[in-house]
């Protein structure tokens, strides 16, 4: 256990950031899952819309460095590809 005042404060800050970042990452997983569900159900229009929302969330997370920018780009690309394939099949 830290007994230096500044380290005690740093530990509190780290816990707070951990909780905030965990919430954002959980929301990202949920938005990604919504796209996958829309694609699997064959609703192309909804899939494209959900992919747009997920891409926006990924961009926000990348700008705050919660996920790496290349990770965000890769996930956006895969979601867009799946959503567009579902959208064009109709």
N, C-alpha and C. Protein backbone atom coordinates (compact mmCIF):
# COMPACT_ATOMS: atom_id res chain seq x y z
N UNK A 1 0.84 -1.19 0.00
CA UNK A 1 0.00 0.00 0.00
C UNK A 1 0.88 1.24 0.00
N UNK A 2 0.51 2.20 -0.82
CA UNK A 2 1.29 3.43 -0.91
C UNK A 2 1.14 4.26 0.36
N UNK A 3 2.26 4.85 0.80
CA UNK A 3 2.19 5.72 1.96
C UNK A 3 2.68 7.13 1.63
N UNK A 4 2.87 7.38 0.34
CA UNK A 4 3.25 8.72 -0.12
C UNK A 4 1.98 9.40 -0.59
N UNK A 5 1.79 10.63 -0.14
CA UNK A 5 0.53 11.35 -0.38
C UNK A 5 0.19 11.44 -1.87
N UNK A 6 1.18 11.78 -2.69
CA UNK A 6 0.93 11.94 -4.13
C UNK A 6 0.57 10.60 -4.78
N UNK A 7 1.17 9.50 -4.29
CA UNK A 7 0.86 8.20 -4.86
C UNK A 7 -0.53 7.72 -4.45
N UNK A 8 -0.95 8.08 -3.26
CA UNK A 8 -2.31 7.74 -2.82
C UNK A 8 -3.33 8.43 -3.72
N UNK A 9 -3.07 9.70 -4.02
CA UNK A 9 -3.96 10.45 -4.92
C UNK A 9 -3.92 9.84 -6.32
N UNK A 10 -2.73 9.49 -6.79
CA UNK A 10 -2.59 8.89 -8.13
C UNK A 10 -3.39 7.59 -8.20
N UNK A 11 -3.35 6.79 -7.15
CA UNK A 11 -4.12 5.54 -7.13
C UNK A 11 -5.62 5.80 -7.22
N UNK A 12 -6.08 6.84 -6.51
CA UNK A 12 -7.51 7.20 -6.59
C UNK A 12 -7.87 7.62 -8.01
N UNK A 13 -7.01 8.41 -8.64
CA UNK A 13 -7.27 8.88 -10.00
C UNK A 13 -7.31 7.70 -10.97
N UNK A 14 -6.37 6.78 -10.79
CA UNK A 14 -6.31 5.62 -11.69
C UNK A 14 -7.57 4.76 -11.59
N UNK A 15 -8.07 4.58 -10.37
CA UNK A 15 -9.30 3.81 -10.20
C UNK A 15 -10.48 4.49 -10.88
N UNK A 16 -10.55 5.80 -10.74
CA UNK A 16 -11.63 6.57 -11.36
C UNK A 16 -11.57 6.45 -12.89
N UNK A 17 -10.37 6.60 -13.44
CA UNK A 17 -10.20 6.47 -14.90
C UNK A 17 -10.52 5.07 -15.38
N UNK A 18 -10.11 4.07 -14.59
CA UNK A 18 -10.39 2.68 -14.93
C UNK A 18 -11.89 2.44 -15.09
N UNK A 19 -12.66 2.95 -14.14
CA UNK A 19 -14.12 2.79 -14.20
C UNK A 19 -14.72 3.49 -15.42
N UNK A 20 -14.25 4.71 -15.69
CA UNK A 20 -14.77 5.46 -16.84
C UNK A 20 -14.42 4.77 -18.15
N UNK A 21 -13.17 4.32 -18.28
CA UNK A 21 -12.74 3.65 -19.50
C UNK A 21 -13.44 2.32 -19.69
N UNK A 22 -13.69 1.63 -18.59
CA UNK A 22 -14.39 0.34 -18.67
C UNK A 22 -15.81 0.55 -19.19
N UNK A 23 -16.45 1.63 -18.74
CA UNK A 23 -17.80 1.93 -19.20
C UNK A 23 -17.82 2.20 -20.70
N UNK A 24 -16.82 2.94 -21.18
CA UNK A 24 -16.75 3.25 -22.61
C UNK A 24 -16.50 1.99 -23.42
N UNK A 25 -15.57 1.15 -22.95
CA UNK A 25 -15.28 -0.09 -23.69
C UNK A 25 -16.50 -1.02 -23.72
N UNK A 26 -17.25 -1.07 -22.64
CA UNK A 26 -18.47 -1.88 -22.60
C UNK A 26 -19.49 -1.35 -23.60
N UNK A 27 -19.62 -0.03 -23.66
CA UNK A 27 -20.55 0.58 -24.63
C UNK A 27 -20.12 0.28 -26.06
N UNK A 28 -18.81 0.25 -26.30
CA UNK A 28 -18.31 -0.09 -27.64
C UNK A 28 -18.70 -1.52 -28.01
N UNK A 29 -18.54 -2.43 -27.07
CA UNK A 29 -18.91 -3.82 -27.34
C UNK A 29 -20.40 -3.94 -27.63
N UNK A 30 -21.21 -3.18 -26.90
CA UNK A 30 -22.66 -3.22 -27.10
C UNK A 30 -23.02 -2.69 -28.48
N UNK A 31 -22.41 -1.58 -28.88
CA UNK A 31 -22.73 -1.00 -30.20
C UNK A 31 -22.27 -1.93 -31.32
N UNK A 32 -21.14 -2.59 -31.12
CA UNK A 32 -20.65 -3.55 -32.11
C UNK A 32 -21.61 -4.74 -32.22
N UNK A 33 -22.09 -5.19 -31.08
CA UNK A 33 -23.01 -6.32 -31.07
C UNK A 33 -24.31 -5.96 -31.78
N UNK A 34 -24.78 -4.73 -31.61
CA UNK A 34 -26.01 -4.30 -32.29
C UNK A 34 -25.86 -4.36 -33.80
N UNK A 35 -24.67 -4.01 -34.29
CA UNK A 35 -24.43 -4.10 -35.74
C UNK A 35 -24.48 -5.56 -36.17
N UNK A 36 -23.79 -6.42 -35.43
CA UNK A 36 -23.75 -7.84 -35.78
C UNK A 36 -25.15 -8.47 -35.76
N UNK A 37 -25.95 -8.09 -34.79
CA UNK A 37 -27.32 -8.62 -34.70
C UNK A 37 -28.14 -8.14 -35.90
N UNK A 38 -28.00 -6.87 -36.25
CA UNK A 38 -28.74 -6.34 -37.40
C UNK A 38 -28.32 -7.02 -38.69
N UNK A 39 -27.02 -7.29 -38.83
CA UNK A 39 -26.52 -7.97 -40.02
C UNK A 39 -27.06 -9.39 -40.09
N UNK A 40 -27.02 -10.10 -38.96
CA UNK A 40 -27.46 -11.50 -38.96
C UNK A 40 -28.97 -11.63 -39.15
N UNK A 41 -29.72 -10.61 -38.73
CA UNK A 41 -31.17 -10.66 -38.92
C UNK A 41 -31.57 -10.26 -40.34
N UNK A 42 -30.60 -9.77 -41.12
CA UNK A 42 -30.87 -9.42 -42.51
C UNK A 42 -31.43 -8.03 -42.70
N UNK A 43 -31.42 -7.22 -41.66
CA UNK A 43 -31.92 -5.85 -41.75
C UNK A 43 -30.76 -4.93 -42.15
N UNK A 44 -30.54 -4.81 -43.46
CA UNK A 44 -29.40 -4.06 -43.97
C UNK A 44 -29.42 -2.59 -43.65
N UNK A 45 -30.60 -1.99 -43.73
CA UNK A 45 -30.72 -0.56 -43.47
C UNK A 45 -30.38 -0.23 -42.02
N UNK A 46 -30.89 -1.05 -41.10
CA UNK A 46 -30.58 -0.85 -39.68
C UNK A 46 -29.10 -1.12 -39.40
N UNK A 47 -28.55 -2.11 -40.10
CA UNK A 47 -27.13 -2.45 -39.90
C UNK A 47 -26.24 -1.29 -40.30
N UNK A 48 -26.55 -0.64 -41.41
CA UNK A 48 -25.76 0.51 -41.86
C UNK A 48 -25.86 1.65 -40.85
N UNK A 49 -27.06 1.90 -40.35
CA UNK A 49 -27.25 2.97 -39.37
C UNK A 49 -26.51 2.66 -38.06
N UNK A 50 -26.61 1.41 -37.61
CA UNK A 50 -25.91 1.01 -36.38
C UNK A 50 -24.40 1.09 -36.57
N UNK A 51 -23.92 0.75 -37.76
CA UNK A 51 -22.48 0.82 -38.04
C UNK A 51 -21.99 2.26 -37.99
N UNK A 52 -22.82 3.17 -38.45
CA UNK A 52 -22.47 4.60 -38.39
C UNK A 52 -22.34 5.06 -36.94
N UNK A 53 -23.30 4.63 -36.10
CA UNK A 53 -23.25 4.98 -34.68
C UNK A 53 -22.03 4.37 -33.99
N UNK A 54 -21.74 3.10 -34.33
CA UNK A 54 -20.59 2.43 -33.73
C UNK A 54 -19.29 3.08 -34.16
N UNK A 55 -19.21 3.50 -35.42
CA UNK A 55 -18.00 4.17 -35.91
C UNK A 55 -17.77 5.48 -35.18
N UNK A 56 -18.85 6.19 -34.91
CA UNK A 56 -18.72 7.45 -34.17
C UNK A 56 -18.22 7.19 -32.76
N UNK A 57 -18.75 6.16 -32.12
CA UNK A 57 -18.31 5.81 -30.76
C UNK A 57 -16.85 5.37 -30.75
N UNK A 58 -16.45 4.61 -31.77
CA UNK A 58 -15.05 4.18 -31.86
C UNK A 58 -14.12 5.36 -32.06
N UNK A 59 -14.54 6.32 -32.88
CA UNK A 59 -13.72 7.51 -33.10
C UNK A 59 -13.54 8.30 -31.81
N UNK A 60 -14.63 8.43 -31.05
CA UNK A 60 -14.55 9.14 -29.77
C UNK A 60 -13.60 8.44 -28.81
N UNK A 61 -13.72 7.11 -28.74
CA UNK A 61 -12.86 6.35 -27.84
C UNK A 61 -11.39 6.44 -28.26
N UNK A 62 -11.15 6.45 -29.56
CA UNK A 62 -9.78 6.57 -30.06
C UNK A 62 -9.21 7.95 -29.77
N UNK A 63 -10.04 8.98 -29.87
CA UNK A 63 -9.55 10.33 -29.61
C UNK A 63 -9.20 10.52 -28.14
N UNK A 64 -9.88 9.76 -27.27
CA UNK A 64 -9.58 9.83 -25.84
C UNK A 64 -8.56 8.78 -25.42
N UNK A 65 -8.02 8.05 -26.40
CA UNK A 65 -7.01 7.01 -26.20
C UNK A 65 -7.49 5.87 -25.31
N UNK A 66 -8.76 5.58 -25.39
CA UNK A 66 -9.29 4.42 -24.66
C UNK A 66 -8.99 3.16 -25.47
N UNK A 67 -9.11 3.28 -26.79
CA UNK A 67 -8.62 2.24 -27.69
C UNK A 67 -7.63 2.89 -28.64
N UNK A 68 -6.72 2.10 -29.18
CA UNK A 68 -5.72 2.64 -30.10
C UNK A 68 -6.40 3.05 -31.41
N UNK A 69 -5.86 4.05 -32.07
CA UNK A 69 -6.51 4.56 -33.28
C UNK A 69 -6.55 3.52 -34.39
N UNK A 70 -5.53 2.66 -34.47
CA UNK A 70 -5.54 1.63 -35.51
C UNK A 70 -6.53 0.52 -35.18
N UNK A 71 -6.70 0.25 -33.90
CA UNK A 71 -7.71 -0.72 -33.48
C UNK A 71 -9.10 -0.21 -33.85
N UNK A 72 -9.32 1.07 -33.59
CA UNK A 72 -10.61 1.68 -33.94
C UNK A 72 -10.84 1.62 -35.44
N UNK A 73 -9.81 1.93 -36.22
CA UNK A 73 -9.92 1.91 -37.68
C UNK A 73 -10.23 0.50 -38.19
N UNK A 74 -9.57 -0.50 -37.61
CA UNK A 74 -9.79 -1.88 -38.02
C UNK A 74 -11.22 -2.33 -37.71
N UNK A 75 -11.68 -2.00 -36.51
CA UNK A 75 -13.05 -2.39 -36.13
C UNK A 75 -14.08 -1.68 -36.99
N UNK A 76 -13.87 -0.39 -37.25
CA UNK A 76 -14.79 0.37 -38.11
C UNK A 76 -14.85 -0.24 -39.50
N UNK A 77 -13.70 -0.61 -40.02
CA UNK A 77 -13.63 -1.19 -41.36
C UNK A 77 -14.42 -2.49 -41.43
N UNK A 78 -14.23 -3.34 -40.45
CA UNK A 78 -14.92 -4.63 -40.44
C UNK A 78 -16.43 -4.47 -40.28
N UNK A 79 -16.82 -3.54 -39.41
CA UNK A 79 -18.26 -3.29 -39.22
C UNK A 79 -18.88 -2.74 -40.50
N UNK A 80 -18.20 -1.78 -41.12
CA UNK A 80 -18.72 -1.16 -42.34
C UNK A 80 -18.84 -2.19 -43.46
N UNK A 81 -17.84 -3.06 -43.56
CA UNK A 81 -17.87 -4.08 -44.60
C UNK A 81 -19.04 -5.04 -44.39
N UNK A 82 -19.26 -5.45 -43.16
CA UNK A 82 -20.37 -6.37 -42.86
C UNK A 82 -21.71 -5.68 -43.08
N UNK A 83 -21.83 -4.42 -42.64
CA UNK A 83 -23.08 -3.69 -42.78
C UNK A 83 -23.41 -3.42 -44.25
N UNK A 84 -22.40 -3.04 -45.01
CA UNK A 84 -22.62 -2.77 -46.44
C UNK A 84 -22.98 -4.04 -47.20
N UNK A 85 -22.38 -5.15 -46.83
CA UNK A 85 -22.73 -6.42 -47.47
C UNK A 85 -24.19 -6.77 -47.17
N UNK A 86 -24.62 -6.54 -45.95
CA UNK A 86 -26.00 -6.83 -45.59
C UNK A 86 -26.95 -5.83 -46.27
N UNK A 87 -26.52 -4.60 -46.40
CA UNK A 87 -27.35 -3.57 -47.03
C UNK A 87 -27.50 -3.77 -48.52
N UNK A 88 -26.44 -4.25 -49.18
CA UNK A 88 -26.49 -4.43 -50.63
C UNK A 88 -27.20 -5.72 -51.04
N UNK A 89 -27.36 -6.66 -50.11
CA UNK A 89 -28.00 -7.94 -50.44
C UNK A 89 -29.52 -7.80 -50.58
N UNK A 90 -30.06 -6.67 -50.09
CA UNK A 90 -31.52 -6.50 -50.18
C UNK A 90 -31.93 -6.01 -51.54
